[in-house]
Protein backbone atom coordinates (compact mmCIF):
# COMPACT_ATOMS: atom_id res chain seq x y z
CA MET A 1 0.00 0.00 0.00
CA ASP A 2 1.29 3.43 -0.94
CA LEU A 3 2.76 5.47 1.97
CA ALA A 4 0.68 8.52 1.02
CA ALA A 5 -2.52 6.45 1.27
CA LEU A 6 -1.54 5.20 4.74
CA ILE A 7 -0.70 8.72 5.91
CA THR A 8 -4.09 9.86 4.59
CA ALA A 9 -5.83 7.07 6.54
CA PHE A 10 -3.99 8.03 9.74
CA VAL A 11 -4.70 11.77 9.45
CA VAL A 12 -8.37 11.26 8.54
CA ALA A 13 -8.78 8.87 11.48
CA ILE A 14 -7.42 11.49 13.90
CA LEU A 15 -8.88 14.70 12.49
CA PRO A 16 -12.35 15.17 10.97
CA VAL A 17 -10.95 16.51 7.68
CA ALA A 18 -13.03 13.88 5.85
CA PRO A 19 -15.44 11.12 6.93
CA THR A 20 -13.33 8.25 8.25
CA GLU A 21 -15.58 5.36 7.25
CA PRO A 22 -15.78 6.14 3.51
CA THR A 23 -12.03 6.82 3.47
CA LEU A 24 -11.23 3.40 4.96
CA VAL A 25 -13.79 1.71 2.69
CA GLY A 26 -12.13 3.40 -0.31
CA LEU A 27 -8.63 2.42 0.80
CA GLY A 28 -9.84 -1.16 1.30
CA ALA A 29 -11.11 -1.17 -2.29
CA LEU A 30 -7.78 0.29 -3.43
CA ALA A 31 -5.89 -2.48 -1.61
CA SER A 32 -7.97 -5.06 -3.49
CA VAL A 33 -7.20 -3.43 -6.84
CA MET A 34 -3.48 -3.27 -6.02
CA HIS A 35 -3.56 -6.91 -4.85
CA VAL A 36 -2.01 -6.05 -1.49
CA SER A 37 -3.05 -7.01 2.02
CA PRO A 38 -5.55 -4.64 3.69
CA ILE A 39 -3.86 -5.22 7.06
CA ASP A 40 -1.75 -2.05 6.79
CA VAL A 41 -4.88 0.07 6.26
CA ILE A 42 -6.63 -1.63 9.19
CA VAL A 43 -3.71 -1.12 11.58
CA VAL A 44 -2.98 2.48 10.54
CA GLY A 45 -6.68 3.45 10.53
CA GLY A 46 -7.27 1.75 13.89
CA LEU A 47 -4.28 3.43 15.51
CA GLY A 48 -5.38 6.81 14.15
CA CYS A 49 -8.87 6.32 15.60
CA SER A 50 -7.35 5.36 18.96
CA VAL A 51 -5.17 8.50 18.98
CA SER A 52 -8.35 10.51 18.33
CA ASP A 53 -10.06 8.64 21.18
CA HIS A 54 -7.26 9.59 23.57
CA LEU A 55 -7.50 13.26 22.60
CA LEU A 56 -11.26 13.18 23.26
CA TYR A 57 -10.66 11.27 26.50
CA ALA A 58 -8.34 14.10 27.61
CA VAL A 59 -11.06 16.64 26.75
CA GLY A 60 -13.55 14.71 28.89
CA ARG A 61 -11.06 14.37 31.72
CA TRP A 62 -10.27 18.09 31.61
CA GLY A 63 -13.80 19.42 31.13
CA GLY A 64 -15.94 16.75 32.77
CA THR A 65 -19.71 16.84 32.50
CA ARG A 66 -19.62 20.47 31.36
CA VAL A 67 -17.87 19.51 28.11
CA LEU A 68 -19.96 16.36 27.75
CA GLY A 69 -23.14 18.41 28.11
CA TRP A 70 -21.90 20.96 25.57
CA LEU A 71 -20.99 18.25 23.03
CA SER A 72 -24.34 16.57 23.62
CA ARG A 73 -26.10 19.56 22.11
CA ARG A 74 -25.25 17.96 18.77
CA ARG A 75 -28.12 15.53 18.28
CA ALA A 76 -26.03 12.49 17.25
CA ILE A 77 -23.58 12.88 20.14
CA GLY A 78 -26.44 13.55 22.57
CA ARG A 79 -28.24 10.35 21.62
CA ALA A 80 -25.06 8.28 21.67
CA THR A 81 -24.08 9.71 25.07
CA THR A 82 -27.50 9.02 26.57
CA TRP A 83 -27.41 5.46 25.22
CA LEU A 84 -23.93 4.94 26.65
CA VAL A 85 -24.75 6.41 30.07
CA ASP A 86 -27.90 4.29 30.29
CA GLY A 87 -26.02 1.09 29.45
CA ALA A 88 -22.57 1.70 30.94
CA GLU A 89 -23.49 0.63 34.45
CA HIS A 90 -24.85 -2.71 33.24
CA TRP A 91 -22.52 -3.51 30.33
CA GLY A 92 -19.38 -1.47 31.04
CA VAL A 93 -16.49 -2.02 28.63
CA PRO A 94 -18.44 -3.75 25.80
CA MET A 95 -20.63 -0.64 25.52
CA LEU A 96 -17.64 1.49 24.52
CA VAL A 97 -16.47 -1.08 21.98
CA GLY A 98 -19.97 -1.36 20.48
CA ALA A 99 -20.40 2.42 20.47
CA ARG A 100 -18.07 2.60 17.44
CA TRP A 101 -20.93 1.52 15.20
CA LEU A 102 -23.27 4.27 16.43
CA PRO A 103 -23.33 7.71 14.80
CA ALA A 104 -20.78 9.74 16.83
CA GLY A 105 -20.55 6.82 19.27
CA GLY A 106 -16.76 6.60 19.33
CA SER A 107 -16.46 10.31 20.11
CA ALA A 108 -19.17 10.22 22.79
CA GLY A 109 -17.69 7.11 24.40
CA SER A 110 -14.20 8.59 24.61
CA VAL A 111 -15.38 11.86 26.17
CA LEU A 112 -17.60 9.89 28.56
CA ALA A 113 -14.70 7.67 29.65
CA GLY A 114 -12.64 10.79 30.39
CA THR A 115 -15.55 12.34 32.28
CA LEU A 116 -15.91 9.14 34.33
CA ARG A 117 -12.18 9.33 35.11
CA TRP A 118 -11.40 5.90 33.72
CA ARG A 119 -7.72 5.14 34.15
CA LEU A 120 -5.69 4.89 30.97
CA ARG A 121 -4.81 1.28 31.72
CA ARG A 122 -8.53 0.54 31.35
CA PHE A 123 -9.40 2.99 28.58
CA THR A 124 -6.48 2.32 26.21
CA PRO A 125 -7.19 -1.41 25.64
CA VAL A 126 -10.88 -0.64 25.10
CA SER A 127 -10.02 2.12 22.62
CA LEU A 128 -7.54 -0.03 20.71
CA THR A 129 -9.95 -2.98 20.56
CA GLY A 130 -12.90 -0.91 19.36
CA SER A 131 -10.80 1.13 16.91
CA LEU A 132 -9.13 -1.89 15.32
CA LEU A 133 -12.41 -3.85 15.04
CA TRP A 134 -14.13 -0.85 13.48
CA ALA A 135 -11.23 -0.18 11.08
CA CYS A 136 -11.29 -3.86 10.12
CA TYR A 137 -15.04 -3.64 9.42
CA ALA A 138 -14.77 -0.51 7.26
CA THR A 139 -11.62 -1.57 5.37
CA MET A 140 -12.84 -5.10 4.69
CA LEU A 141 -16.15 -3.76 3.38
CA GLY A 142 -14.24 -2.00 0.62
CA TYR A 143 -11.75 -4.80 0.10
CA LEU A 144 -14.34 -7.59 -0.17
CA GLY A 145 -16.75 -5.46 -2.20
CA SER A 146 -14.05 -4.72 -4.77
CA THR A 147 -12.81 -8.32 -4.78
CA PHE A 148 -16.34 -9.71 -5.18
CA THR A 149 -17.33 -7.45 -8.07
CA GLY A 150 -13.95 -7.34 -9.78
CA ASN A 151 -14.61 -3.65 -10.35
CA PRO A 152 -13.21 -1.16 -7.84
CA LEU A 153 -15.89 1.49 -8.45
CA ALA A 154 -18.77 -0.97 -8.28
CA GLY A 155 -17.21 -2.59 -5.21
CA LEU A 156 -16.78 0.79 -3.55
CA ALA A 157 -20.41 1.74 -4.33
CA ILE A 158 -21.76 -1.55 -2.94
CA SER A 159 -19.57 -1.28 0.15
CA LEU A 160 -20.70 2.28 0.88
CA ILE A 161 -24.35 1.26 0.45
CA ILE A 162 -23.82 -1.57 2.96
CA ALA A 163 -22.14 0.87 5.38
CA VAL A 164 -25.11 3.24 5.09
CA ILE A 165 -27.55 0.36 5.69
CA VAL A 166 -25.62 -0.69 8.81
CA GLY A 167 -25.64 2.93 10.02
CA LEU A 168 -29.39 3.19 9.46
CA ALA A 169 -29.98 -0.17 11.15
CA VAL A 170 -28.42 0.97 14.44
CA ARG A 171 -30.37 4.25 14.58
CA PRO A 172 -33.56 2.61 15.92
CA LEU A 173 -31.45 1.25 18.77
CA LEU A 174 -30.61 4.80 19.77
CA HIS A 175 -34.19 6.01 19.37
CA ARG A 176 -35.53 3.12 21.44
CA HIS A 177 -33.19 3.85 24.35
CA THR A 178 -32.95 7.63 24.32
CA HIS A 179 -36.49 8.88 23.71
CA THR A 180 -35.68 12.42 22.58
CA GLY A 181 -32.07 12.74 23.78
CA PRO A 182 -30.74 15.54 25.97
CA ALA A 183 -32.40 18.90 25.55
CA PRO A 184 -30.21 21.46 23.77
CA ASP A 185 -29.85 23.60 26.88
CA SER A 186 -29.34 20.80 29.39
CA GLY A 187 -26.26 18.95 30.50
CA VAL A 188 -25.80 15.22 30.69
CA THR A 189 -26.14 13.74 34.15
CA VAL A 190 -23.51 11.15 34.95
CA GLU A 191 -24.25 9.16 38.08
CA PRO A 192 -21.39 8.81 40.56
CA THR A 193 -21.94 5.04 40.62
CA LEU A 194 -20.67 4.88 37.05
CA VAL A 195 -17.24 6.15 38.05
CA THR A 196 -14.98 3.14 38.23
CA ALA A 197 -11.26 2.64 38.55
């Protein structure tokens, strides 16, 4: 895989200069066309997402519920945060891994973990696991779509349609568990019992 493509994957995973999922899907399709392993894209994309997670974790740790409440004014982050807070006490770590597949779920989960004062020795493995699994999902969508069709553009189109369908499929989960989400002028309440070492 070309070094410029890997640098692009890393930068896009850290900074929101472009949507990460379509970028990784596209690079997966490119790997198929070039007949190279998609593992480099998965690892670089996953590490970039984890770096982004740690930056957001630091924001949550620094700003606490005030920052979480402010971010939750964005509807997608508000719904993801409410879903995570509601389920974190019961499910814990798997909730943050699964949050990757929710709209804005990775961002909300990272800020929430910082707000809850999770220790890095707990947060880092969760971030790496979720980031690498999600990068594998997005990259392999493009790779397998392109391999299956034999046409990189058709494979990319099919892969992006599947990604959109998956995104739409998880939305009812958020709606079912969050009712209307946090009000625009309200903060998110994080119960003290959720704070764990």
